[in-house]
């Protein structure tokens, strides 16, 4: 579960840092989806690297 906690924390932090907000989601859903996908992909890579050392 530690990896899941790290993943969720990093997604939250990255989205805050990059201004990916609920307001953006309501104003431009396609932009929000694209940016969240980019964040999730980056975080996936970070977590995978941490787990595999």
PDB file of N, CA and C in Angstrom:
ATOM      1  N   UNK A   1       0.811  -1.208   0.000  1.00  0.00           N
ATOM      2  CA  UNK A   1       0.000   0.000   0.000  1.00  0.00           C
ATOM      3  C   UNK A   1       0.849   1.264   0.000  1.00  0.00           C
ATOM      4  N   UNK A   2       2.086   1.141   0.364  1.00  0.00           N
ATOM      5  CA  UNK A   2       2.945   2.317   0.401  1.00  0.00           C
ATOM      6  C   UNK A   2       3.086   2.942  -0.989  1.00  0.00           C
ATOM      7  N   UNK A   3       3.177   2.104  -2.020  1.00  0.00           N
ATOM      8  CA  UNK A   3       3.298   2.619  -3.386  1.00  0.00           C
ATOM      9  C   UNK A   3       2.042   3.391  -3.787  1.00  0.00           C
ATOM     10  N   UNK A   4       0.880   2.885  -3.414  1.00  0.00           N
ATOM     11  CA  UNK A   4      -0.369   3.572  -3.736  1.00  0.00           C
ATOM     12  C   UNK A   4      -0.441   4.925  -3.032  1.00  0.00           C
ATOM     13  N   UNK A   5      -0.022   4.959  -1.775  1.00  0.00           N
ATOM     14  CA  UNK A   5      -0.018   6.222  -1.032  1.00  0.00           C
ATOM     15  C   UNK A   5       0.929   7.222  -1.682  1.00  0.00           C
ATOM     16  N   UNK A   6       2.100   6.758  -2.097  1.00  0.00           N
ATOM     17  CA  UNK A   6       3.071   7.623  -2.763  1.00  0.00           C
ATOM     18  C   UNK A   6       2.492   8.145  -4.079  1.00  0.00           C
ATOM     19  N   UNK A   7       1.861   7.246  -4.836  1.00  0.00           N
ATOM     20  CA  UNK A   7       1.254   7.625  -6.114  1.00  0.00           C
ATOM     21  C   UNK A   7       0.210   8.716  -5.910  1.00  0.00           C
ATOM     22  N   UNK A   8      -0.709   8.501  -4.988  1.00  0.00           N
ATOM     23  CA  UNK A   8      -1.776   9.470  -4.746  1.00  0.00           C
ATOM     24  C   UNK A   8      -1.231  10.807  -4.264  1.00  0.00           C
ATOM     25  N   UNK A   9      -0.237  10.763  -3.395  1.00  0.00           N
ATOM     26  CA  UNK A   9       0.358  11.998  -2.875  1.00  0.00           C
ATOM     27  C   UNK A   9       1.033  12.775  -4.002  1.00  0.00           C
ATOM     28  N   UNK A  10       1.800  12.080  -4.837  1.00  0.00           N
ATOM     29  CA  UNK A  10       2.509  12.760  -5.920  1.00  0.00           C
ATOM     30  C   UNK A  10       1.545  13.332  -6.957  1.00  0.00           C
ATOM     31  N   UNK A  11       0.487  12.593  -7.287  1.00  0.00           N
ATOM     32  CA  UNK A  11      -0.500  13.114  -8.238  1.00  0.00           C
ATOM     33  C   UNK A  11      -1.117  14.398  -7.684  1.00  0.00           C
ATOM     34  N   UNK A  12      -1.460  14.376  -6.396  1.00  0.00           N
ATOM     35  CA  UNK A  12      -2.026  15.574  -5.757  1.00  0.00           C
ATOM     36  C   UNK A  12      -1.041  16.738  -5.819  1.00  0.00           C
ATOM     37  N   UNK A  13       0.213  16.480  -5.450  1.00  0.00           N
ATOM     38  CA  UNK A  13       1.227  17.542  -5.428  1.00  0.00           C
ATOM     39  C   UNK A  13       1.485  18.098  -6.826  1.00  0.00           C
ATOM     40  N   UNK A  14       1.672  17.217  -7.795  1.00  0.00           N
ATOM     41  CA  UNK A  14       1.967  17.666  -9.156  1.00  0.00           C
ATOM     42  C   UNK A  14       0.798  18.467  -9.729  1.00  0.00           C
ATOM     43  N   UNK A  15      -0.430  18.000  -9.494  1.00  0.00           N
ATOM     44  CA  UNK A  15      -1.568  18.725 -10.049  1.00  0.00           C
ATOM     45  C   UNK A  15      -1.699  20.110  -9.409  1.00  0.00           C
ATOM     46  N   UNK A  16      -1.413  20.215  -8.114  1.00  0.00           N
ATOM     47  CA  UNK A  16      -1.439  21.525  -7.461  1.00  0.00           C
ATOM     48  C   UNK A  16      -0.355  22.430  -8.035  1.00  0.00           C
ATOM     49  N   UNK A  17       0.850  21.901  -8.182  1.00  0.00           N
ATOM     50  CA  UNK A  17       1.969  22.689  -8.692  1.00  0.00           C
ATOM     51  C   UNK A  17       1.705  23.189 -10.110  1.00  0.00           C
ATOM     52  N   UNK A  18       1.018  22.369 -10.906  1.00  0.00           N
ATOM     53  CA  UNK A  18       0.806  22.709 -12.314  1.00  0.00           C
ATOM     54  C   UNK A  18      -0.543  23.382 -12.569  1.00  0.00           C
ATOM     55  N   UNK A  19      -1.279  23.648 -11.501  1.00  0.00           N
ATOM     56  CA  UNK A  19      -2.540  24.371 -11.647  1.00  0.00           C
ATOM     57  C   UNK A  19      -3.650  23.559 -12.287  1.00  0.00           C
ATOM     58  N   UNK A  20      -3.596  22.241 -12.142  1.00  0.00           N
ATOM     59  CA  UNK A  20      -4.641  21.374 -12.682  1.00  0.00           C
ATOM     60  C   UNK A  20      -5.707  21.239 -11.593  1.00  0.00           C
ATOM     61  N   UNK A  21      -6.741  22.070 -11.698  1.00  0.00           N
ATOM     62  CA  UNK A  21      -7.721  22.228 -10.632  1.00  0.00           C
ATOM     63  C   UNK A  21      -9.108  21.764 -11.070  1.00  0.00           C
ATOM     64  N   UNK A  22     -10.006  21.712 -10.103  1.00  0.00           N
ATOM     65  CA  UNK A  22     -11.408  21.420 -10.411  1.00  0.00           C
ATOM     66  C   UNK A  22     -11.997  22.521 -11.293  1.00  0.00           C
ATOM     67  N   UNK A  23     -11.526  23.746 -11.124  1.00  0.00           N
ATOM     68  CA  UNK A  23     -12.000  24.834 -11.973  1.00  0.00           C
ATOM     69  C   UNK A  23     -11.610  24.584 -13.427  1.00  0.00           C
ATOM     70  N   UNK A  24     -10.367  24.165 -13.649  1.00  0.00           N
ATOM     71  CA  UNK A  24      -9.941  23.830 -15.007  1.00  0.00           C
ATOM     72  C   UNK A  24     -10.795  22.696 -15.555  1.00  0.00           C
ATOM     73  N   UNK A  25     -11.067  21.705 -14.716  1.00  0.00           N
ATOM     74  CA  UNK A  25     -11.888  20.564 -15.132  1.00  0.00           C
ATOM     75  C   UNK A  25     -13.266  21.023 -15.608  1.00  0.00           C
ATOM     76  N   UNK A  26     -13.863  21.962 -14.896  1.00  0.00           N
ATOM     77  CA  UNK A  26     -15.201  22.426 -15.279  1.00  0.00           C
ATOM     78  C   UNK A  26     -15.169  23.355 -16.494  1.00  0.00           C
ATOM     79  N   UNK A  27     -14.069  24.078 -16.676  1.00  0.00           N
ATOM     80  CA  UNK A  27     -13.982  25.035 -17.783  1.00  0.00           C
ATOM     81  C   UNK A  27     -13.494  24.394 -19.079  1.00  0.00           C
ATOM     82  N   UNK A  28     -12.587  23.424 -18.964  1.00  0.00           N
ATOM     83  CA  UNK A  28     -11.987  22.813 -20.153  1.00  0.00           C
ATOM     84  C   UNK A  28     -11.618  21.365 -19.830  1.00  0.00           C
ATOM     85  N   UNK A  29     -12.611  20.506 -19.934  1.00  0.00           N
ATOM     86  CA  UNK A  29     -12.427  19.127 -19.501  1.00  0.00           C
ATOM     87  C   UNK A  29     -11.352  18.396 -20.302  1.00  0.00           C
ATOM     88  N   UNK A  30     -11.277  18.637 -21.606  1.00  0.00           N
ATOM     89  CA  UNK A  30     -10.267  17.951 -22.423  1.00  0.00           C
ATOM     90  C   UNK A  30      -8.853  18.354 -22.014  1.00  0.00           C
ATOM     91  N   UNK A  31      -8.650  19.621 -21.727  1.00  0.00           N
ATOM     92  CA  UNK A  31      -7.345  20.099 -21.255  1.00  0.00           C
ATOM     93  C   UNK A  31      -7.004  19.438 -19.924  1.00  0.00           C
ATOM     94  N   UNK A  32      -7.975  19.380 -19.034  1.00  0.00           N
ATOM     95  CA  UNK A  32      -7.775  18.767 -17.718  1.00  0.00           C
ATOM     96  C   UNK A  32      -7.393  17.302 -17.857  1.00  0.00           C
ATOM     97  N   UNK A  33      -8.115  16.570 -18.700  1.00  0.00           N
ATOM     98  CA  UNK A  33      -7.839  15.143 -18.901  1.00  0.00           C
ATOM     99  C   UNK A  33      -6.422  14.949 -19.447  1.00  0.00           C
ATOM    100  N   UNK A  34      -6.046  15.732 -20.427  1.00  0.00           N
ATOM    101  CA  UNK A  34      -4.707  15.607 -21.003  1.00  0.00           C
ATOM    102  C   UNK A  34      -3.616  15.889 -19.987  1.00  0.00           C
ATOM    103  N   UNK A  35      -3.797  16.937 -19.219  1.00  0.00           N
ATOM    104  CA  UNK A  35      -2.775  17.294 -18.223  1.00  0.00           C
ATOM    105  C   UNK A  35      -2.715  16.272 -17.097  1.00  0.00           C
ATOM    106  N   UNK A  36      -3.883  15.757 -16.665  1.00  0.00           N
ATOM    107  CA  UNK A  36      -3.888  14.720 -15.627  1.00  0.00           C
ATOM    108  C   UNK A  36      -3.245  13.439 -16.133  1.00  0.00           C
ATOM    109  N   UNK A  37      -3.478  13.091 -17.386  1.00  0.00           N
ATOM    110  CA  UNK A  37      -2.831  11.907 -17.956  1.00  0.00           C
ATOM    111  C   UNK A  37      -1.319  12.072 -17.957  1.00  0.00           C
ATOM    112  N   UNK A  38      -0.839  13.254 -18.305  1.00  0.00           N
ATOM    113  CA  UNK A  38       0.603  13.507 -18.281  1.00  0.00           C
ATOM    114  C   UNK A  38       1.159  13.371 -16.872  1.00  0.00           C
ATOM    115  N   UNK A  39       0.445  13.920 -15.905  1.00  0.00           N
ATOM    116  CA  UNK A  39       0.883  13.830 -14.507  1.00  0.00           C
ATOM    117  C   UNK A  39       0.901  12.375 -14.061  1.00  0.00           C
ATOM    118  N   UNK A  40      -0.168  11.648 -14.348  1.00  0.00           N
ATOM    119  CA  UNK A  40      -0.240  10.239 -13.930  1.00  0.00           C
ATOM    120  C   UNK A  40       0.859   9.412 -14.563  1.00  0.00           C
ATOM    121  N   UNK A  41       1.158   9.667 -15.837  1.00  0.00           N
ATOM    122  CA  UNK A  41       2.235   8.926 -16.501  1.00  0.00           C
ATOM    123  C   UNK A  41       3.586   9.209 -15.840  1.00  0.00           C
ATOM    124  N   UNK A  42       3.836  10.460 -15.525  1.00  0.00           N
ATOM    125  CA  UNK A  42       5.094  10.823 -14.872  1.00  0.00           C
ATOM    126  C   UNK A  42       5.185  10.180 -13.492  1.00  0.00           C
ATOM    127  N   UNK A  43       4.097  10.226 -12.742  1.00  0.00           N
ATOM    128  CA  UNK A  43       4.086   9.650 -11.395  1.00  0.00           C
ATOM    129  C   UNK A  43       4.224   8.131 -11.464  1.00  0.00           C
ATOM    130  N   UNK A  44       3.587   7.499 -12.448  1.00  0.00           N
ATOM    131  CA  UNK A  44       3.750   6.048 -12.631  1.00  0.00           C
ATOM    132  C   UNK A  44       5.235   5.696 -12.749  1.00  0.00           C
ATOM    133  N   UNK A  45       5.926   6.461 -13.566  1.00  0.00           N
ATOM    134  CA  UNK A  45       7.357   6.220 -13.790  1.00  0.00           C
ATOM    135  C   UNK A  45       8.157   6.406 -12.500  1.00  0.00           C
ATOM    136  N   UNK A  46       7.860   7.458 -11.757  1.00  0.00           N
ATOM    137  CA  UNK A  46       8.568   7.735 -10.500  1.00  0.00           C
ATOM    138  C   UNK A  46       8.350   6.601  -9.512  1.00  0.00           C
ATOM    139  N   UNK A  47       7.096   6.196  -9.329  1.00  0.00           N
ATOM    140  CA  UNK A  47       6.781   5.140  -8.365  1.00  0.00           C
ATOM    141  C   UNK A  47       7.416   3.829  -8.803  1.00  0.00           C
ATOM    142  N   UNK A  48       7.347   3.513 -10.085  1.00  0.00           N
ATOM    143  CA  UNK A  48       7.955   2.278 -10.601  1.00  0.00           C
ATOM    144  C   UNK A  48       9.455   2.259 -10.337  1.00  0.00           C
ATOM    145  N   UNK A  49      10.123   3.389 -10.562  1.00  0.00           N
ATOM    146  CA  UNK A  49      11.559   3.471 -10.312  1.00  0.00           C
ATOM    147  C   UNK A  49      11.888   3.318  -8.836  1.00  0.00           C
ATOM    148  N   UNK A  50      11.040   3.882  -7.967  1.00  0.00           N
ATOM    149  CA  UNK A  50      11.261   3.759  -6.511  1.00  0.00           C
ATOM    150  C   UNK A  50      11.116   2.312  -6.064  1.00  0.00           C
ATOM    151  N   UNK A  51      10.119   1.629  -6.588  1.00  0.00           N
ATOM    152  CA  UNK A  51       9.856   0.249  -6.187  1.00  0.00           C
ATOM    153  C   UNK A  51      10.963  -0.680  -6.679  1.00  0.00           C
ATOM    154  N   UNK A  52      11.401  -0.467  -7.914  1.00  0.00           N
ATOM    155  CA  UNK A  52      12.410  -1.346  -8.522  1.00  0.00           C
ATOM    156  C   UNK A  52      13.827  -0.962  -8.155  1.00  0.00           C
ATOM    157  N   UNK A  53      13.969   0.147  -7.455  1.00  0.00           N
ATOM    158  CA  UNK A  53      15.278   0.579  -6.999  1.00  0.00           C
ATOM    159  C   UNK A  53      16.115   1.090  -8.099  1.00  0.00           C
TER     160      UNK A  53
END
